[in-house]
Amino acid sequence: RRTRDASARQLEAIASLQKSGRLNSLPAALRDMAMLRLEHPHLNLSELAEVGAEGLTRSAVNHRLRRLVAA
């Protein structure tokens, strides 16, 4: 349930950033994370790290998604 709720908040934030045009002005790491979340809305943080770029950690995924939600 927590993963689903967090994913919903993240997807909502990403949609808002896309609609306002602000997503393209974010750093590449955040844009890439947004695209990864959109492609895999059902995955938890560890799973996102696994399917993401090589060397991506759960901590980095969490930090980037928090920054997206706060943007």
C-alpha atoms as a PDB file:
ATOM      1  CA  ARG A   1       0.000   0.000   0.000  1.00  0.00           C
ATOM      2  CA  ARG A   2       2.794   2.467   0.860  1.00  0.00           C
ATOM      3  CA  THR A   3       4.548   1.812  -2.445  1.00  0.00           C
ATOM      4  CA  ARG A   4       1.302   2.329  -4.349  1.00  0.00           C
ATOM      5  CA  ASP A   5       0.514   5.577  -2.518  1.00  0.00           C
ATOM      6  CA  ALA A   6       4.033   6.935  -3.019  1.00  0.00           C
ATOM      7  CA  SER A   7       3.985   5.999  -6.686  1.00  0.00           C
ATOM      8  CA  ALA A   8       0.658   7.786  -7.139  1.00  0.00           C
ATOM      9  CA  ARG A   9       2.061  10.970  -5.553  1.00  0.00           C
ATOM     10  CA  GLN A  10       5.159  10.760  -7.732  1.00  0.00           C
ATOM     11  CA  LEU A  11       3.162  10.219 -10.917  1.00  0.00           C
ATOM     12  CA  GLU A  12       0.909  13.148 -10.026  1.00  0.00           C
ATOM     13  CA  ALA A  13       3.933  15.388  -9.473  1.00  0.00           C
ATOM     14  CA  ILE A  14       5.498  14.288 -12.766  1.00  0.00           C
ATOM     15  CA  ALA A  15       2.248  14.948 -14.630  1.00  0.00           C
ATOM     16  CA  SER A  16       2.088  18.425 -13.111  1.00  0.00           C
ATOM     17  CA  LEU A  17       5.688  19.129 -14.140  1.00  0.00           C
ATOM     18  CA  GLN A  18       4.961  17.935 -17.676  1.00  0.00           C
ATOM     19  CA  LYS A  19       1.799  20.018 -17.949  1.00  0.00           C
ATOM     20  CA  SER A  20       3.551  23.164 -16.783  1.00  0.00           C
ATOM     21  CA  GLY A  21       6.569  22.554 -19.014  1.00  0.00           C
ATOM     22  CA  ARG A  22       8.949  22.552 -16.054  1.00  0.00           C
ATOM     23  CA  LEU A  23      10.037  18.939 -16.497  1.00  0.00           C
ATOM     24  CA  ASN A  24      12.300  19.841 -19.419  1.00  0.00           C
ATOM     25  CA  SER A  25      14.120  22.455 -17.352  1.00  0.00           C
ATOM     26  CA  LEU A  26      15.081  19.999 -14.604  1.00  0.00           C
ATOM     27  CA  PRO A  27      18.512  18.341 -14.454  1.00  0.00           C
ATOM     28  CA  ALA A  28      18.932  15.269 -16.651  1.00  0.00           C
ATOM     29  CA  ALA A  29      19.056  12.908 -13.658  1.00  0.00           C
ATOM     30  CA  LEU A  30      15.605  14.065 -12.531  1.00  0.00           C
ATOM     31  CA  ARG A  31      14.155  13.922 -16.040  1.00  0.00           C
ATOM     32  CA  ASP A  32      15.507  10.403 -16.456  1.00  0.00           C
ATOM     33  CA  MET A  33      14.032   9.368 -13.118  1.00  0.00           C
ATOM     34  CA  ALA A  34      10.663  10.822 -14.092  1.00  0.00           C
ATOM     35  CA  MET A  35      10.682   8.805 -17.320  1.00  0.00           C
ATOM     36  CA  LEU A  36      11.712   5.668 -15.424  1.00  0.00           C
ATOM     37  CA  ARG A  37       8.828   6.123 -12.968  1.00  0.00           C
ATOM     38  CA  LEU A  38       6.380   6.692 -15.824  1.00  0.00           C
ATOM     39  CA  GLU A  39       7.578   3.503 -17.543  1.00  0.00           C
ATOM     40  CA  HIS A  40       7.416   1.450 -14.320  1.00  0.00           C
ATOM     41  CA  PRO A  41       4.707   2.867 -12.043  1.00  0.00           C
ATOM     42  CA  HIS A  42       4.284  -0.390 -10.131  1.00  0.00           C
ATOM     43  CA  LEU A  43       7.921  -0.912  -9.062  1.00  0.00           C
ATOM     44  CA  ASN A  44       9.261  -0.109  -5.615  1.00  0.00           C
ATOM     45  CA  LEU A  45      12.448   1.928  -5.098  1.00  0.00           C
ATOM     46  CA  SER A  46      14.804  -1.058  -5.113  1.00  0.00           C
ATOM     47  CA  GLU A  47      13.257  -2.418  -8.282  1.00  0.00           C
ATOM     48  CA  LEU A  48      13.500   0.978  -9.962  1.00  0.00           C
ATOM     49  CA  ALA A  49      17.187   1.088  -9.079  1.00  0.00           C
ATOM     50  CA  GLU A  50      17.655  -2.332 -10.695  1.00  0.00           C
ATOM     51  CA  VAL A  51      16.015  -1.356 -13.993  1.00  0.00           C
ATOM     52  CA  GLY A  52      17.573   2.109 -14.015  1.00  0.00           C
ATOM     53  CA  ALA A  53      21.022   3.201 -15.079  1.00  0.00           C
ATOM     54  CA  GLU A  54      23.969   1.099 -13.988  1.00  0.00           C
ATOM     55  CA  GLY A  55      25.158   2.074 -10.544  1.00  0.00           C
ATOM     56  CA  LEU A  56      21.814   3.605  -9.552  1.00  0.00           C
ATOM     57  CA  THR A  57      21.036   2.892  -5.900  1.00  0.00           C
ATOM     58  CA  ARG A  58      17.790   2.737  -3.976  1.00  0.00           C
ATOM     59  CA  SER A  59      18.917   5.801  -2.047  1.00  0.00           C
ATOM     60  CA  ALA A  60      19.533   7.778  -5.243  1.00  0.00           C
ATOM     61  CA  VAL A  61      16.120   6.766  -6.612  1.00  0.00           C
ATOM     62  CA  ASN A  62      14.457   7.873  -3.382  1.00  0.00           C
ATOM     63  CA  HIS A  63      16.301  11.193  -3.332  1.00  0.00           C
ATOM     64  CA  ARG A  64      15.487  11.986  -6.968  1.00  0.00           C
ATOM     65  CA  LEU A  65      11.822  11.092  -6.608  1.00  0.00           C
ATOM     66  CA  ARG A  66      11.561  13.265  -3.486  1.00  0.00           C
ATOM     67  CA  ARG A  67      13.075  16.151  -5.436  1.00  0.00           C
ATOM     68  CA  LEU A  68      10.547  15.613  -8.244  1.00  0.00           C
ATOM     69  CA  VAL A  69       7.644  15.687  -5.810  1.00  0.00           C
ATOM     70  CA  ALA A  70       9.014  18.837  -4.171  1.00  0.00           C
ATOM     71  CA  ALA A  71       9.597  20.622  -7.504  1.00  0.00           C
END
